[in-house]
Amino acid sequence: MSETTVLLLPGAETWSDPKHGAIIEKAKELLQIGGTVCAICGATAALANAGILNDRSHTSNGLGFLEMVSHGYSGQEFYIESPSVVDNNLITASSTGALLWTKQIIEHLGVFQSSTLEFWYDYFSTGDPKYYFALMETLPVSHEN
């Protein structure tokens, strides 16, 4: 593990199962060394339960959801009502924030230049073909023989 490591925690209702404890511990370690942790939906509850969200900006499926399912959670003052929230190397999302969460992950990783990312997001959030063509125009031209 290093600061270039990225851990994606998918949403599920099974994160309270003790068998997932090892991966949550890895998430803690990764955040401490500057690596990136991305959690959506039920995975945010596991981070909250482990105390990871107690002092970092974050979101989830609602503040009441975290309070109900995460007994170790005391990060209410850091909760942001938004589909997805970035706090340096921690990216959290609600179950309805998958597209924005993905955009923020792509942006954090530097996969696309900013104009490409904006057209990508516009296309996938609206389905309007004009954004697809604009997106394609921003991609580098391949010079394969």
C-alpha atoms as a PDB file:
ATOM      1  CA  MET A   1       0.000   0.000   0.000  1.00  0.00           C
ATOM      2  CA  SER A   2       1.110   3.526  -0.786  1.00  0.00           C
ATOM      3  CA  GLU A   3      -0.322   6.994  -1.395  1.00  0.00           C
ATOM      4  CA  THR A   4      -1.110   5.910  -4.967  1.00  0.00           C
ATOM      5  CA  THR A   5      -3.299   3.037  -3.767  1.00  0.00           C
ATOM      6  CA  VAL A   6      -7.053   3.421  -4.302  1.00  0.00           C
ATOM      7  CA  LEU A   7      -9.613   1.306  -2.448  1.00  0.00           C
ATOM      8  CA  LEU A   8     -13.199   1.214  -3.761  1.00  0.00           C
ATOM      9  CA  LEU A   9     -15.825   0.028  -1.291  1.00  0.00           C
ATOM     10  CA  PRO A  10     -19.095  -0.817  -3.069  1.00  0.00           C
ATOM     11  CA  GLY A  11     -22.483  -0.381  -1.514  1.00  0.00           C
ATOM     12  CA  ALA A  12     -24.066  -3.342   0.241  1.00  0.00           C
ATOM     13  CA  GLU A  13     -26.126  -4.173   3.301  1.00  0.00           C
ATOM     14  CA  THR A  14     -23.504  -6.668   4.491  1.00  0.00           C
ATOM     15  CA  TRP A  15     -20.800  -4.276   5.711  1.00  0.00           C
ATOM     16  CA  SER A  16     -21.758  -4.834   9.355  1.00  0.00           C
ATOM     17  CA  ASP A  17     -20.608  -8.462   9.066  1.00  0.00           C
ATOM     18  CA  PRO A  18     -17.388  -8.880  11.132  1.00  0.00           C
ATOM     19  CA  LYS A  19     -15.729 -10.657   8.188  1.00  0.00           C
ATOM     20  CA  HIS A  20     -15.315  -7.209   6.580  1.00  0.00           C
ATOM     21  CA  GLY A  21     -13.361  -5.832   9.527  1.00  0.00           C
ATOM     22  CA  ALA A  22      -9.994  -6.481   7.897  1.00  0.00           C
ATOM     23  CA  ILE A  23     -10.822  -4.395   4.840  1.00  0.00           C
ATOM     24  CA  ILE A  24     -12.068  -1.524   7.009  1.00  0.00           C
ATOM     25  CA  GLU A  25      -8.793  -1.645   8.950  1.00  0.00           C
ATOM     26  CA  LYS A  26      -6.949  -1.476   5.604  1.00  0.00           C
ATOM     27  CA  ALA A  27      -9.075   1.554   4.698  1.00  0.00           C
ATOM     28  CA  LYS A  28      -7.967   3.270   7.946  1.00  0.00           C
ATOM     29  CA  GLU A  29      -4.317   2.474   7.231  1.00  0.00           C
ATOM     30  CA  LEU A  30      -4.612   3.635   3.647  1.00  0.00           C
ATOM     31  CA  LEU A  31      -6.114   6.991   4.619  1.00  0.00           C
ATOM     32  CA  GLN A  32      -3.356   7.488   7.206  1.00  0.00           C
ATOM     33  CA  ILE A  33      -0.616   7.097   4.588  1.00  0.00           C
ATOM     34  CA  GLY A  34      -2.367   9.312   2.037  1.00  0.00           C
ATOM     35  CA  GLY A  35      -3.974   6.651  -0.140  1.00  0.00           C
ATOM     36  CA  THR A  36      -7.518   7.072  -1.409  1.00  0.00           C
ATOM     37  CA  VAL A  37     -10.656   5.391  -0.077  1.00  0.00           C
ATOM     38  CA  CYS A  38     -13.937   5.649  -1.978  1.00  0.00           C
ATOM     39  CA  ALA A  39     -17.108   4.366  -0.308  1.00  0.00           C
ATOM     40  CA  ILE A  40     -20.722   4.427  -1.438  1.00  0.00           C
ATOM     41  CA  CYS A  41     -24.037   3.604   0.210  1.00  0.00           C
ATOM     42  CA  GLY A  42     -23.717   0.849   2.836  1.00  0.00           C
ATOM     43  CA  ALA A  43     -19.922   1.019   2.779  1.00  0.00           C
ATOM     44  CA  THR A  44     -20.123   4.497   4.297  1.00  0.00           C
ATOM     45  CA  ALA A  45     -21.863   2.926   7.294  1.00  0.00           C
ATOM     46  CA  ALA A  46     -18.881   0.644   7.841  1.00  0.00           C
ATOM     47  CA  LEU A  47     -16.516   3.617   7.735  1.00  0.00           C
ATOM     48  CA  ALA A  48     -18.771   5.474  10.176  1.00  0.00           C
ATOM     49  CA  ASN A  49     -18.899   2.483  12.499  1.00  0.00           C
ATOM     50  CA  ALA A  50     -15.104   2.362  12.535  1.00  0.00           C
ATOM     51  CA  GLY A  51     -14.882   6.065  13.453  1.00  0.00           C
ATOM     52  CA  ILE A  52     -13.342   7.037  10.101  1.00  0.00           C
ATOM     53  CA  LEU A  53     -16.055   9.629   9.407  1.00  0.00           C
ATOM     54  CA  ASN A  54     -15.986  11.230  12.853  1.00  0.00           C
ATOM     55  CA  ASP A  55     -13.618  14.022  11.807  1.00  0.00           C
ATOM     56  CA  ARG A  56     -13.845  14.248   8.003  1.00  0.00           C
ATOM     57  CA  SER A  57     -16.384  15.720   5.610  1.00  0.00           C
ATOM     58  CA  HIS A  58     -18.602  12.967   4.249  1.00  0.00           C
ATOM     59  CA  THR A  59     -22.037  11.918   3.079  1.00  0.00           C
ATOM     60  CA  SER A  60     -24.144   8.775   3.064  1.00  0.00           C
ATOM     61  CA  ASN A  61     -27.773   7.742   2.684  1.00  0.00           C
ATOM     62  CA  GLY A  62     -28.771  10.432   5.170  1.00  0.00           C
ATOM     63  CA  LEU A  63     -27.560  11.482   8.571  1.00  0.00           C
ATOM     64  CA  GLY A  64     -30.327   9.462  10.208  1.00  0.00           C
ATOM     65  CA  PHE A  65     -29.151   6.371   8.332  1.00  0.00           C
ATOM     66  CA  LEU A  66     -25.632   6.647   9.772  1.00  0.00           C
ATOM     67  CA  GLU A  67     -26.956   7.323  13.259  1.00  0.00           C
ATOM     68  CA  MET A  68     -29.248   4.304  13.011  1.00  0.00           C
ATOM     69  CA  VAL A  69     -26.761   1.728  11.685  1.00  0.00           C
ATOM     70  CA  SER A  70     -23.374   2.948  12.978  1.00  0.00           C
ATOM     71  CA  HIS A  71     -23.029   2.873  16.741  1.00  0.00           C
ATOM     72  CA  GLY A  72     -19.479   4.291  16.660  1.00  0.00           C
ATOM     73  CA  TYR A  73     -20.508   7.313  14.614  1.00  0.00           C
ATOM     74  CA  SER A  74     -20.113  10.805  16.058  1.00  0.00           C
ATOM     75  CA  GLY A  75     -19.292  12.799  12.915  1.00  0.00           C
ATOM     76  CA  GLN A  76     -22.606  14.624  12.573  1.00  0.00           C
ATOM     77  CA  GLU A  77     -20.912  18.033  12.330  1.00  0.00           C
ATOM     78  CA  PHE A  78     -18.949  16.807   9.281  1.00  0.00           C
ATOM     79  CA  TYR A  79     -21.954  15.369   7.476  1.00  0.00           C
ATOM     80  CA  ILE A  80     -22.827  17.114   4.193  1.00  0.00           C
ATOM     81  CA  GLU A  81     -26.205  16.569   2.573  1.00  0.00           C
ATOM     82  CA  SER A  82     -24.977  15.893  -0.963  1.00  0.00           C
ATOM     83  CA  PRO A  83     -24.956  12.917  -3.345  1.00  0.00           C
ATOM     84  CA  SER A  84     -21.151  12.692  -3.104  1.00  0.00           C
ATOM     85  CA  VAL A  85     -18.477  14.434  -1.028  1.00  0.00           C
ATOM     86  CA  VAL A  86     -14.701  14.675  -1.429  1.00  0.00           C
ATOM     87  CA  ASP A  87     -12.486  15.261   1.601  1.00  0.00           C
ATOM     88  CA  ASN A  88      -8.937  15.100   0.254  1.00  0.00           C
ATOM     89  CA  ASN A  89      -8.360  11.353  -0.205  1.00  0.00           C
ATOM     90  CA  LEU A  90     -11.768  10.209   1.078  1.00  0.00           C
ATOM     91  CA  ILE A  91     -14.690  10.158  -1.367  1.00  0.00           C
ATOM     92  CA  THR A  92     -18.097   9.142  -0.022  1.00  0.00           C
ATOM     93  CA  ALA A  93     -21.491   8.909  -1.701  1.00  0.00           C
ATOM     94  CA  SER A  94     -25.108   8.087  -1.046  1.00  0.00           C
ATOM     95  CA  SER A  95     -26.865   5.367  -2.981  1.00  0.00           C
ATOM     96  CA  THR A  96     -28.172   8.046  -5.348  1.00  0.00           C
ATOM     97  CA  GLY A  97     -24.748   9.599  -5.908  1.00  0.00           C
ATOM     98  CA  ALA A  98     -23.085   6.912  -8.019  1.00  0.00           C
ATOM     99  CA  LEU A  99     -22.524   9.055 -11.111  1.00  0.00           C
ATOM    100  CA  LEU A 100     -21.147  12.057  -9.225  1.00  0.00           C
ATOM    101  CA  TRP A 101     -19.042   9.708  -7.057  1.00  0.00           C
ATOM    102  CA  THR A 102     -17.571   8.169 -10.207  1.00  0.00           C
ATOM    103  CA  LYS A 103     -16.859  11.617 -11.634  1.00  0.00           C
ATOM    104  CA  GLN A 104     -15.080  12.652  -8.437  1.00  0.00           C
ATOM    105  CA  ILE A 105     -13.004   9.461  -8.443  1.00  0.00           C
ATOM    106  CA  ILE A 106     -12.016   9.975 -12.089  1.00  0.00           C
ATOM    107  CA  GLU A 107     -11.126  13.589 -11.309  1.00  0.00           C
ATOM    108  CA  HIS A 108      -9.091  12.592  -8.238  1.00  0.00           C
ATOM    109  CA  LEU A 109      -7.165  10.037 -10.313  1.00  0.00           C
ATOM    110  CA  GLY A 110      -6.536  12.521 -13.116  1.00  0.00           C
ATOM    111  CA  VAL A 111      -7.853  10.141 -15.778  1.00  0.00           C
ATOM    112  CA  PHE A 112      -9.266  12.891 -18.037  1.00  0.00           C
ATOM    113  CA  GLN A 113      -8.488  16.527 -18.652  1.00  0.00           C
ATOM    114  CA  SER A 114     -11.155  18.755 -17.099  1.00  0.00           C
ATOM    115  CA  SER A 115     -13.083  19.461 -20.336  1.00  0.00           C
ATOM    116  CA  THR A 116     -13.244  15.744 -21.150  1.00  0.00           C
ATOM    117  CA  LEU A 117     -14.494  14.976 -17.657  1.00  0.00           C
ATOM    118  CA  GLU A 118     -17.189  17.662 -17.848  1.00  0.00           C
ATOM    119  CA  PHE A 119     -18.467  16.375 -21.204  1.00  0.00           C
ATOM    120  CA  TRP A 120     -18.310  12.799 -19.859  1.00  0.00           C
ATOM    121  CA  TYR A 121     -20.423  13.814 -16.867  1.00  0.00           C
ATOM    122  CA  ASP A 122     -22.844  15.845 -18.999  1.00  0.00           C
ATOM    123  CA  TYR A 123     -23.312  12.923 -21.369  1.00  0.00           C
ATOM    124  CA  PHE A 124     -23.923  10.311 -18.679  1.00  0.00           C
ATOM    125  CA  SER A 125     -26.158  12.591 -16.589  1.00  0.00           C
ATOM    126  CA  THR A 126     -28.356  13.689 -19.507  1.00  0.00           C
ATOM    127  CA  GLY A 127     -27.936  11.082 -22.253  1.00  0.00           C
ATOM    128  CA  ASP A 128     -27.765  13.937 -24.766  1.00  0.00           C
ATOM    129  CA  PRO A 129     -25.668  12.785 -27.771  1.00  0.00           C
ATOM    130  CA  LYS A 130     -24.222  16.287 -28.267  1.00  0.00           C
ATOM    131  CA  TYR A 131     -22.153  15.734 -25.122  1.00  0.00           C
ATOM    132  CA  TYR A 132     -20.913  12.391 -26.415  1.00  0.00           C
ATOM    133  CA  PHE A 133     -19.572  14.009 -29.565  1.00  0.00           C
ATOM    134  CA  ALA A 134     -18.069  16.879 -27.575  1.00  0.00           C
ATOM    135  CA  LEU A 135     -16.455  14.317 -25.276  1.00  0.00           C
ATOM    136  CA  MET A 136     -14.976  12.414 -28.213  1.00  0.00           C
ATOM    137  CA  GLU A 137     -13.502  15.638 -29.629  1.00  0.00           C
ATOM    138  CA  THR A 138     -11.579  16.235 -26.401  1.00  0.00           C
ATOM    139  CA  LEU A 139      -9.879  12.839 -26.424  1.00  0.00           C
ATOM    140  CA  PRO A 140      -6.300  12.568 -27.708  1.00  0.00           C
ATOM    141  CA  VAL A 141      -5.960  11.303 -31.254  1.00  0.00           C
ATOM    142  CA  SER A 142      -4.396   7.867 -31.499  1.00  0.00           C
ATOM    143  CA  HIS A 143      -1.552   7.565 -33.996  1.00  0.00           C
ATOM    144  CA  GLU A 144      -1.362   3.785 -34.283  1.00  0.00           C
ATOM    145  CA  ASN A 145      -0.029   2.267 -37.517  1.00  0.00           C
END
